[in-house]
């Protein structure tokens, strides 16, 4: 277990912040961001970087000003050992829009050899991006202390940091995900500070990612998780307008199809542990004046405790196709389909469930590029077939993704 640290009082902050704000964190038995920094450029193959973040046994940051820089030149007002918050040095070689993302749990808190950690849905991390200004003499009047990144005097110099971007969505609004974006200047080094805003024993860690977002290449960092809907009537969940079109807007009524299969991490496990497997096939073509929708979906995974889950679809109720570009590399298209199926857990007994599957073809190769998303919901049948509005889909019992596939391929076709 690490130590408890309290940030020394800042005179300027004391005048404007409530006296009740307290910073408290226990750093767990882990190293800081690994690697500690990297560079990216707005060119294919170099547009992104990832890192494994610090594990904190406890963390309650009441205000971003309680997360100082990692620059040891600012001691005692800096945090070079990342005990208070984690730091990643990001050099942007070219000018462009950049995004930093934190997701949790990270490497230490998931997988077969994971250490004990709390429920990740109860944790929260925030992101603060700062850039250092040139040091000025302590006898020179510094700029007004109005942003979250300015640090205190050290020796005869002041090492001030400017806030570039800040994100604090909150665990309740976007569980296990935080994202911040800014317009990066080429040749600049930004300090990405990851704040353990709400972490309870036995602790939590995170994964970090940063990338340019205005290029034509495939996105690498995790995207905003799709909201898992509350229980709704099956008639609404499975309808074309209230179902598939509501989350994947249909861009064409022409015949389309998508098929594929492969591997993704099982929810709550590391990439190399207990992969989930999927196979999907869906198409839409005209049958007279009406579109005919056909498809099938198969999915199986294992929970963190080794419980096996197998799903097979029985119906396809709605389908949406979102066209990209008909190119070999890059976003080709995305398909979402929903229906009813059977879920088997451990024993032969099966449960009726509603499903939602989304496949995104981001070109070749499939692993690391194509995106898969899958959700299962309990199907609550009220026993009155003539009134399907009384049947419900929900709550969610399986949720995986959106996540890049680790094996296989998803192929979007501009024909049926």
Protein backbone atom coordinates (compact mmCIF):
# COMPACT_ATOMS: atom_id res chain seq x y z
CA UNK A 1 0.00 0.00 0.00
CA UNK A 2 1.21 3.50 -0.73
CA UNK A 3 1.11 6.58 1.44
CA UNK A 4 -1.47 9.26 2.08
CA UNK A 5 -0.56 12.63 0.62
CA UNK A 6 -2.17 15.99 1.27
CA UNK A 7 -1.38 18.83 -1.09
CA UNK A 8 0.19 21.83 0.69
CA UNK A 9 -2.08 24.82 0.98
CA UNK A 10 -1.99 27.26 -1.91
CA UNK A 11 -2.56 30.85 -0.85
CA UNK A 12 -4.33 31.78 -4.05
CA UNK A 13 -6.59 28.74 -3.93
CA UNK A 14 -7.34 29.22 -0.27
CA UNK A 15 -9.05 32.46 -1.07
CA UNK A 16 -11.39 30.99 -3.65
CA UNK A 17 -11.97 27.34 -2.77
CA UNK A 18 -14.04 25.97 0.11
CA UNK A 19 -12.03 24.84 3.08
CA UNK A 20 -13.73 21.46 2.95
CA UNK A 21 -11.99 20.36 -0.26
CA UNK A 22 -9.59 17.55 0.62
CA UNK A 23 -7.31 15.54 -1.61
CA UNK A 24 -6.74 11.95 -0.63
CA UNK A 25 -5.27 8.98 -2.49
CA UNK A 26 -3.55 5.70 -1.87
CA UNK A 27 -1.37 4.53 -4.75
CA UNK A 28 -1.54 0.78 -5.16
CA UNK A 29 1.33 -1.58 -5.80
CA UNK A 30 1.86 -0.54 -9.43
CA UNK A 31 4.12 1.62 -11.52
CA UNK A 32 3.04 4.87 -13.13
CA UNK A 33 1.85 5.19 -16.72
CA UNK A 34 3.72 2.66 -18.84
CA UNK A 35 5.20 3.98 -21.03
CA UNK A 36 5.49 7.39 -19.39
CA UNK A 37 5.06 9.15 -22.73
CA UNK A 38 5.13 8.87 -26.51
CA UNK A 39 4.73 10.88 -29.70
CA UNK A 40 2.03 10.76 -32.38
CA UNK A 41 1.63 12.36 -35.80
CA UNK A 42 -1.27 12.83 -38.16
CA UNK A 43 -0.02 10.12 -40.53
CA UNK A 44 -1.17 6.49 -40.99
CA UNK A 45 0.55 4.09 -38.63
CA UNK A 46 1.68 6.84 -36.22
CA UNK A 47 -1.62 8.49 -35.33
CA UNK A 48 -2.17 6.82 -31.94
CA UNK A 49 -0.50 5.58 -28.77
CA UNK A 50 -1.65 3.60 -25.74
CA UNK A 51 -0.43 3.12 -22.17
CA UNK A 52 -1.21 1.11 -19.03
CA UNK A 53 -2.20 3.39 -16.18
CA UNK A 54 -1.52 3.53 -12.46
CA UNK A 55 -3.58 1.47 -10.04
CA UNK A 56 -4.96 3.43 -7.09
CA UNK A 57 -6.23 1.67 -3.98
CA UNK A 58 -8.20 4.78 -3.07
CA UNK A 59 -8.65 8.18 -4.66
CA UNK A 60 -10.89 11.19 -4.06
CA UNK A 61 -9.81 14.29 -5.97
CA UNK A 62 -12.14 17.09 -5.01
CA UNK A 63 -10.77 19.57 -7.57
CA UNK A 64 -8.46 19.34 -10.61
CA UNK A 65 -6.03 21.81 -9.02
CA UNK A 66 -5.17 19.01 -6.58
CA UNK A 67 -3.50 17.13 -9.46
CA UNK A 68 -0.15 18.95 -9.99
CA UNK A 69 2.38 18.37 -12.75
CA UNK A 70 4.90 15.53 -12.72
CA UNK A 71 7.78 17.95 -13.33
CA UNK A 72 10.25 17.50 -10.44
CA UNK A 73 11.39 21.09 -10.99
CA UNK A 74 8.17 22.15 -9.28
CA UNK A 75 8.82 20.27 -6.02
CA UNK A 76 7.34 20.31 -3.44
CA UNK A 77 4.28 21.28 -5.46
CA UNK A 78 4.62 18.56 -8.12
CA UNK A 79 3.86 14.85 -8.22
CA UNK A 80 6.79 13.13 -9.99
CA UNK A 81 5.94 9.69 -8.51
CA UNK A 82 2.27 9.84 -9.56
CA UNK A 83 1.01 9.26 -6.05
CA UNK A 84 -1.73 11.86 -6.40
CA UNK A 85 -2.67 11.39 -10.06
CA UNK A 86 -1.19 9.74 -13.12
CA UNK A 87 0.72 11.58 -15.89
CA UNK A 88 1.44 10.83 -19.55
CA UNK A 89 3.68 13.05 -21.71
CA UNK A 90 2.25 13.33 -25.23
CA UNK A 91 4.29 14.90 -28.04
CA UNK A 92 2.11 15.89 -31.01
CA UNK A 93 4.36 16.11 -34.05
CA UNK A 94 1.73 17.64 -36.32
CA UNK A 95 -1.12 20.09 -35.87
CA UNK A 96 -4.61 18.59 -35.68
CA UNK A 97 -7.52 17.45 -33.53
CA UNK A 98 -6.42 15.01 -30.80
CA UNK A 99 -8.40 12.91 -28.36
CA UNK A 100 -7.29 11.25 -25.10
CA UNK A 101 -9.37 8.41 -23.65
CA UNK A 102 -9.30 6.56 -20.33
CA UNK A 103 -11.20 3.29 -19.82
CA UNK A 104 -11.27 1.03 -16.81
CA UNK A 105 -10.47 -1.56 -15.57
CA UNK A 106 -6.93 -1.78 -16.89
CA UNK A 107 -4.24 -4.42 -17.11
CA UNK A 108 -3.88 -5.09 -13.38
CA UNK A 109 -7.58 -5.29 -12.54
CA UNK A 110 -8.81 -7.70 -15.20
CA UNK A 111 -7.86 -11.11 -16.48
CA UNK A 112 -7.17 -14.47 -14.90
CA UNK A 113 -4.24 -13.11 -12.85
CA UNK A 114 -5.88 -9.86 -11.83
CA UNK A 115 -5.38 -8.38 -8.39
CA UNK A 116 -8.43 -7.60 -6.27
CA UNK A 117 -10.22 -4.48 -7.48
CA UNK A 118 -13.57 -2.84 -6.87
CA UNK A 119 -16.57 -2.95 -9.19
CA UNK A 120 -15.42 -0.80 -12.16
CA UNK A 121 -18.88 0.75 -12.53
CA UNK A 122 -18.37 2.34 -9.10
CA UNK A 123 -15.06 4.01 -10.07
CA UNK A 124 -14.47 7.27 -11.88
CA UNK A 125 -11.44 8.92 -13.47
CA UNK A 126 -11.26 12.42 -14.97
CA UNK A 127 -8.88 13.78 -17.62
CA UNK A 128 -6.97 17.07 -17.56
CA UNK A 129 -4.64 18.14 -20.38
CA UNK A 130 -1.99 20.77 -19.66
CA UNK A 131 0.91 22.43 -21.45
CA UNK A 132 3.91 24.12 -19.81
CA UNK A 133 4.74 27.77 -20.40
CA UNK A 134 8.33 29.00 -20.37
CA UNK A 135 9.63 29.56 -16.80
CA UNK A 136 9.73 33.16 -15.62
CA UNK A 137 11.59 34.76 -12.76
CA UNK A 138 9.87 34.76 -9.39
CA UNK A 139 10.29 38.52 -9.40
CA UNK A 140 8.22 38.75 -12.59
CA UNK A 141 4.49 39.03 -12.11
CA UNK A 142 3.03 35.74 -13.43
CA UNK A 143 -0.22 35.65 -15.39
CA UNK A 144 -3.43 35.48 -13.34
CA UNK A 145 -3.93 32.12 -11.65
CA UNK A 146 -7.23 31.37 -13.35
CA UNK A 147 -6.86 27.87 -14.79
CA UNK A 148 -6.54 24.43 -13.26
CA UNK A 149 -3.01 23.64 -14.40
CA UNK A 150 -0.83 26.42 -12.89
CA UNK A 151 1.66 25.05 -10.34
CA UNK A 152 3.54 26.77 -7.53
CA UNK A 153 6.97 28.40 -7.33
CA UNK A 154 10.07 26.24 -7.17
CA UNK A 155 13.35 27.83 -6.14
CA UNK A 156 13.72 31.00 -8.17
CA UNK A 157 11.44 29.96 -11.03
CA UNK A 158 7.76 29.57 -11.65
CA UNK A 159 6.78 26.61 -13.85
CA UNK A 160 3.24 27.52 -14.85
CA UNK A 161 1.01 25.14 -16.79
CA UNK A 162 -1.96 26.18 -18.91
CA UNK A 163 -5.13 24.14 -19.04
CA UNK A 164 -5.81 22.90 -22.57
CA UNK A 165 -8.82 20.64 -21.98
CA UNK A 166 -10.72 19.02 -19.12
CA UNK A 167 -13.38 16.33 -18.94
CA UNK A 168 -15.39 15.16 -15.94
CA UNK A 169 -18.42 13.36 -17.31
CA UNK A 170 -19.00 11.30 -14.18
CA UNK A 171 -19.42 7.58 -13.64
CA UNK A 172 -23.20 7.75 -13.78
CA UNK A 173 -23.30 9.32 -17.26
CA UNK A 174 -20.68 7.24 -19.07
CA UNK A 175 -19.53 4.27 -16.98
CA UNK A 176 -15.91 3.18 -17.31
CA UNK A 177 -15.13 5.76 -19.98
CA UNK A 178 -13.71 9.30 -20.07
CA UNK A 179 -12.69 11.33 -23.12
CA UNK A 180 -11.21 14.77 -23.75
CA UNK A 181 -10.44 16.47 -27.09
CA UNK A 182 -8.40 19.50 -28.14
CA UNK A 183 -6.68 21.07 -31.14
CA UNK A 184 -3.02 20.12 -30.77
CA UNK A 185 -0.16 22.27 -32.06
CA UNK A 186 2.60 20.49 -33.94
CA UNK A 187 5.84 20.10 -32.01
CA UNK A 188 4.16 20.55 -28.60
CA UNK A 189 4.32 18.30 -25.55
CA UNK A 190 1.12 17.98 -23.55
CA UNK A 191 0.82 16.48 -20.10
CA UNK A 192 -2.25 14.23 -19.86
CA UNK A 193 -3.20 14.04 -16.19
CA UNK A 194 -5.51 11.20 -15.13
CA UNK A 195 -7.32 11.96 -11.88
CA UNK A 196 -8.65 9.16 -9.61
CA UNK A 197 -11.80 11.11 -8.81
CA UNK A 198 -13.72 8.34 -7.09
CA UNK A 199 -11.88 5.10 -6.33
CA UNK A 200 -12.69 2.89 -3.35
CA UNK A 201 -10.77 -0.05 -1.86
CA UNK A 202 -9.56 -2.47 -3.01
CA UNK A 203 -8.76 -0.14 -5.92
CA UNK A 204 -8.92 0.38 -9.68
CA UNK A 205 -6.58 1.03 -12.62
CA UNK A 206 -7.17 2.24 -16.17
CA UNK A 207 -6.00 2.07 -19.78
CA UNK A 208 -5.01 5.24 -21.65
CA UNK A 209 -5.09 6.05 -25.34
CA UNK A 210 -4.47 9.17 -27.45
CA UNK A 211 -4.93 9.67 -31.18
CA UNK A 212 -5.57 12.16 -33.97
CA UNK A 213 -9.22 12.21 -34.99
CA UNK A 214 -9.20 14.23 -38.23
CA UNK A 215 -7.40 11.74 -40.50
CA UNK A 216 -8.82 9.12 -42.87
CA UNK A 217 -7.35 6.20 -40.94
CA UNK A 218 -9.11 3.81 -38.59
CA UNK A 219 -9.79 4.97 -35.06
CA UNK A 220 -7.88 3.04 -32.39
CA UNK A 221 -9.02 4.50 -29.06
CA UNK A 222 -12.23 3.25 -27.48
CA UNK A 223 -15.37 5.08 -28.54
CA UNK A 224 -18.19 6.31 -26.34
CA UNK A 225 -20.09 3.24 -25.11
CA UNK A 226 -23.57 2.96 -26.52
CA UNK A 227 -26.14 3.55 -23.81
CA UNK A 228 -27.80 0.37 -22.60
CA UNK A 229 -31.51 1.11 -22.75
CA UNK A 230 -33.77 0.57 -19.80
CA UNK A 231 -36.44 -2.11 -20.14
CA UNK A 232 -38.75 -1.14 -23.01
CA UNK A 233 -41.60 -2.85 -24.76
CA UNK A 234 -40.38 -5.49 -27.16
CA UNK A 235 -42.53 -3.88 -29.86
CA UNK A 236 -40.46 -0.69 -29.54
CA UNK A 237 -37.05 -2.33 -29.04
CA UNK A 238 -37.49 -4.58 -32.08
CA UNK A 239 -39.13 -2.01 -34.35
CA UNK A 240 -37.29 -0.46 -37.26
CA UNK A 241 -37.81 3.20 -36.29
CA UNK A 242 -37.67 2.84 -32.51
CA UNK A 243 -35.04 0.10 -32.55
CA UNK A 244 -32.25 -0.19 -35.13
CA UNK A 245 -32.68 3.24 -36.72
CA UNK A 246 -32.58 4.93 -33.31
CA UNK A 247 -28.90 4.08 -32.70
CA UNK A 248 -27.60 3.34 -36.22
CA UNK A 249 -29.39 5.73 -38.60
CA UNK A 250 -30.16 3.98 -41.88
CA UNK A 251 -28.50 5.79 -44.82
CA UNK A 252 -29.83 3.68 -47.68
CA UNK A 253 -32.81 1.55 -48.65
CA UNK A 254 -30.82 -0.33 -51.28
CA UNK A 255 -29.93 -4.01 -50.89
CA UNK A 256 -27.10 -4.45 -48.42
CA UNK A 257 -25.45 -7.22 -46.41
CA UNK A 258 -22.80 -7.78 -43.77
CA UNK A 259 -21.18 -10.95 -42.54
CA UNK A 260 -18.21 -11.94 -40.44
CA UNK A 261 -16.94 -13.57 -37.32
CA UNK A 262 -14.01 -13.62 -34.98
CA UNK A 263 -12.82 -12.94 -31.47
CA UNK A 264 -13.18 -10.11 -28.98
CA UNK A 265 -12.26 -9.96 -25.28
CA UNK A 266 -14.91 -11.37 -22.97
CA UNK A 267 -16.39 -8.65 -20.76
CA UNK A 268 -14.21 -8.11 -17.70
CA UNK A 269 -11.20 -10.09 -18.95
CA UNK A 270 -7.93 -9.13 -20.61
CA UNK A 271 -7.41 -9.49 -24.37
CA UNK A 272 -5.45 -12.73 -23.96
CA UNK A 273 -7.85 -14.32 -21.47
CA UNK A 274 -11.07 -16.14 -22.35
CA UNK A 275 -11.85 -14.53 -25.69
CA UNK A 276 -15.47 -14.20 -26.76
CA UNK A 277 -16.40 -15.58 -30.19
CA UNK A 278 -19.06 -14.35 -32.59
CA UNK A 279 -20.49 -15.11 -36.01
CA UNK A 280 -22.91 -12.79 -37.76
CA UNK A 281 -24.75 -12.64 -41.07
CA UNK A 282 -27.45 -10.16 -42.03
CA UNK A 283 -28.90 -8.89 -45.29
CA UNK A 284 -31.71 -6.80 -46.68
CA UNK A 285 -33.12 -7.08 -50.17
CA UNK A 286 -36.37 -6.10 -51.85
CA UNK A 287 -39.19 -8.63 -51.90
CA UNK A 288 -41.74 -6.92 -54.09
CA UNK A 289 -42.53 -3.60 -52.40
CA UNK A 290 -41.22 -4.65 -48.98
CA UNK A 291 -37.63 -5.12 -47.77
CA UNK A 292 -36.88 -8.71 -46.73
CA UNK A 293 -34.61 -8.96 -43.68
CA UNK A 294 -32.74 -12.14 -42.98
CA UNK A 295 -29.85 -13.02 -40.72
CA UNK A 296 -28.46 -15.00 -37.84
CA UNK A 297 -26.24 -14.29 -34.88
CA UNK A 298 -24.11 -16.56 -32.69
CA UNK A 299 -22.13 -15.43 -29.65
CA UNK A 300 -20.35 -17.19 -26.79
CA UNK A 301 -18.08 -15.95 -23.99
CA UNK A 302 -16.94 -16.62 -20.44
CA UNK A 303 -17.40 -14.44 -17.41
CA UNK A 304 -14.48 -13.59 -15.11
CA UNK A 305 -15.32 -16.61 -12.93
CA UNK A 306 -15.28 -18.98 -15.93
CA UNK A 307 -19.05 -19.27 -16.46
CA UNK A 308 -19.76 -20.10 -20.12
CA UNK A 309 -22.56 -18.36 -22.02
CA UNK A 310 -23.87 -19.40 -25.46
CA UNK A 311 -26.38 -17.48 -27.56
CA UNK A 312 -28.13 -18.28 -30.85
CA UNK A 313 -30.58 -16.00 -32.61
CA UNK A 314 -34.02 -17.15 -33.73
CA UNK A 315 -35.42 -14.06 -35.44
CA UNK A 316 -34.30 -10.82 -37.11
CA UNK A 317 -36.79 -8.05 -36.44
CA UNK A 318 -35.05 -4.89 -37.63
CA UNK A 319 -31.93 -4.05 -39.64
CA UNK A 320 -30.14 -0.75 -40.35
CA UNK A 321 -27.27 -0.25 -42.78
CA UNK A 322 -24.98 2.78 -42.66
CA UNK A 323 -22.85 3.22 -45.78
CA UNK A 324 -19.23 4.29 -45.71
CA UNK A 325 -16.91 4.41 -48.73
CA UNK A 326 -16.54 1.51 -51.12
CA UNK A 327 -12.79 1.28 -50.52
CA UNK A 328 -10.44 -1.44 -49.31
CA UNK A 329 -9.05 0.51 -46.35
CA UNK A 330 -11.14 2.80 -44.20
CA UNK A 331 -14.74 2.91 -43.02
CA UNK A 332 -16.84 0.79 -45.43
CA UNK A 333 -20.05 0.49 -43.47
CA UNK A 334 -21.90 -0.45 -40.33
CA UNK A 335 -24.90 -2.74 -39.75
CA UNK A 336 -27.13 -3.13 -36.69
CA UNK A 337 -29.77 -5.80 -36.25
CA UNK A 338 -32.04 -6.93 -33.43
CA UNK A 339 -34.30 -9.84 -32.68
CA UNK A 340 -35.06 -12.69 -30.29
CA UNK A 341 -32.97 -15.73 -29.39
CA UNK A 342 -31.96 -18.28 -26.79
CA UNK A 343 -29.24 -17.94 -24.16
CA UNK A 344 -27.78 -21.01 -22.45
CA UNK A 345 -25.66 -20.65 -19.29
CA UNK A 346 -23.88 -23.74 -17.85
CA UNK A 347 -26.74 -26.22 -17.97
CA UNK A 348 -29.06 -27.18 -20.82
CA UNK A 349 -31.76 -24.81 -19.64
CA UNK A 350 -32.26 -21.90 -22.04
CA UNK A 351 -33.65 -18.41 -21.51
CA UNK A 352 -35.57 -16.25 -23.97
CA UNK A 353 -33.65 -13.04 -24.67
CA UNK A 354 -33.69 -9.99 -26.90
CA UNK A 355 -30.42 -9.22 -28.68
CA UNK A 356 -28.71 -6.25 -30.34
CA UNK A 357 -25.67 -6.75 -32.58
CA UNK A 358 -23.60 -4.10 -34.37
CA UNK A 359 -20.70 -4.74 -36.76
CA UNK A 360 -18.47 -2.04 -38.27
CA UNK A 361 -16.19 -2.75 -41.23
CA UNK A 362 -13.16 -0.46 -41.08
CA UNK A 363 -11.23 -2.15 -43.88
CA UNK A 364 -8.41 -4.67 -43.85
CA UNK A 365 -7.04 -6.23 -41.80
CA UNK A 366 -9.99 -6.94 -39.55
CA UNK A 367 -8.16 -7.37 -36.21
CA UNK A 368 -7.59 -4.01 -34.55
CA UNK A 369 -9.78 -2.21 -37.10
CA UNK A 370 -13.26 -3.72 -37.30
CA UNK A 371 -15.57 -3.00 -34.35
CA UNK A 372 -18.06 -5.37 -32.73
CA UNK A 373 -20.80 -4.59 -30.22
CA UNK A 374 -23.27 -7.00 -28.66
CA UNK A 375 -25.95 -6.86 -25.96
CA UNK A 376 -28.48 -9.30 -24.53
CA UNK A 377 -31.63 -8.39 -22.59
CA UNK A 378 -34.05 -10.57 -20.68
CA UNK A 379 -37.26 -11.11 -22.61
CA UNK A 380 -40.24 -10.72 -20.30
CA UNK A 381 -43.24 -12.39 -21.91
CA UNK A 382 -46.51 -11.48 -20.29
CA UNK A 383 -48.25 -14.46 -21.87
CA UNK A 384 -50.66 -12.52 -24.08
CA UNK A 385 -49.51 -13.03 -27.70
CA UNK A 386 -52.21 -10.71 -29.03
CA UNK A 387 -50.72 -7.76 -27.10
CA UNK A 388 -46.93 -7.64 -27.71
CA UNK A 389 -46.74 -4.13 -26.23
CA UNK A 390 -47.02 -5.77 -22.82
CA UNK A 391 -43.80 -7.76 -23.45
CA UNK A 392 -40.51 -6.17 -22.42
CA UNK A 393 -36.83 -6.38 -23.38
CA UNK A 394 -34.65 -5.69 -20.34
CA UNK A 395 -32.75 -5.39 -18.18
CA UNK A 396 -29.39 -5.99 -19.88
CA UNK A 397 -27.63 -9.21 -18.87
CA UNK A 398 -24.71 -9.26 -21.36
CA UNK A 399 -22.88 -6.25 -22.79
CA UNK A 400 -19.70 -6.42 -24.86
CA UNK A 401 -18.22 -3.48 -26.76
CA UNK A 402 -18.01 -1.51 -28.86
CA UNK A 403 -14.53 -3.05 -29.05
CA UNK A 404 -12.00 -3.78 -31.83
CA UNK A 405 -11.96 -7.43 -32.82
CA UNK A 406 -8.79 -9.36 -31.99
CA UNK A 407 -9.24 -12.01 -34.67
CA UNK A 408 -11.36 -12.62 -37.75
CA UNK A 409 -13.03 -10.08 -40.02
CA UNK A 410 -16.29 -8.14 -40.57
CA UNK A 411 -17.22 -7.49 -44.21
CA UNK A 412 -19.75 -4.89 -45.37
CA UNK A 413 -21.21 -5.46 -48.85
CA UNK A 414 -22.94 -2.93 -51.07
CA UNK A 415 -25.16 -5.70 -52.41
CA UNK A 416 -27.37 -8.34 -50.81
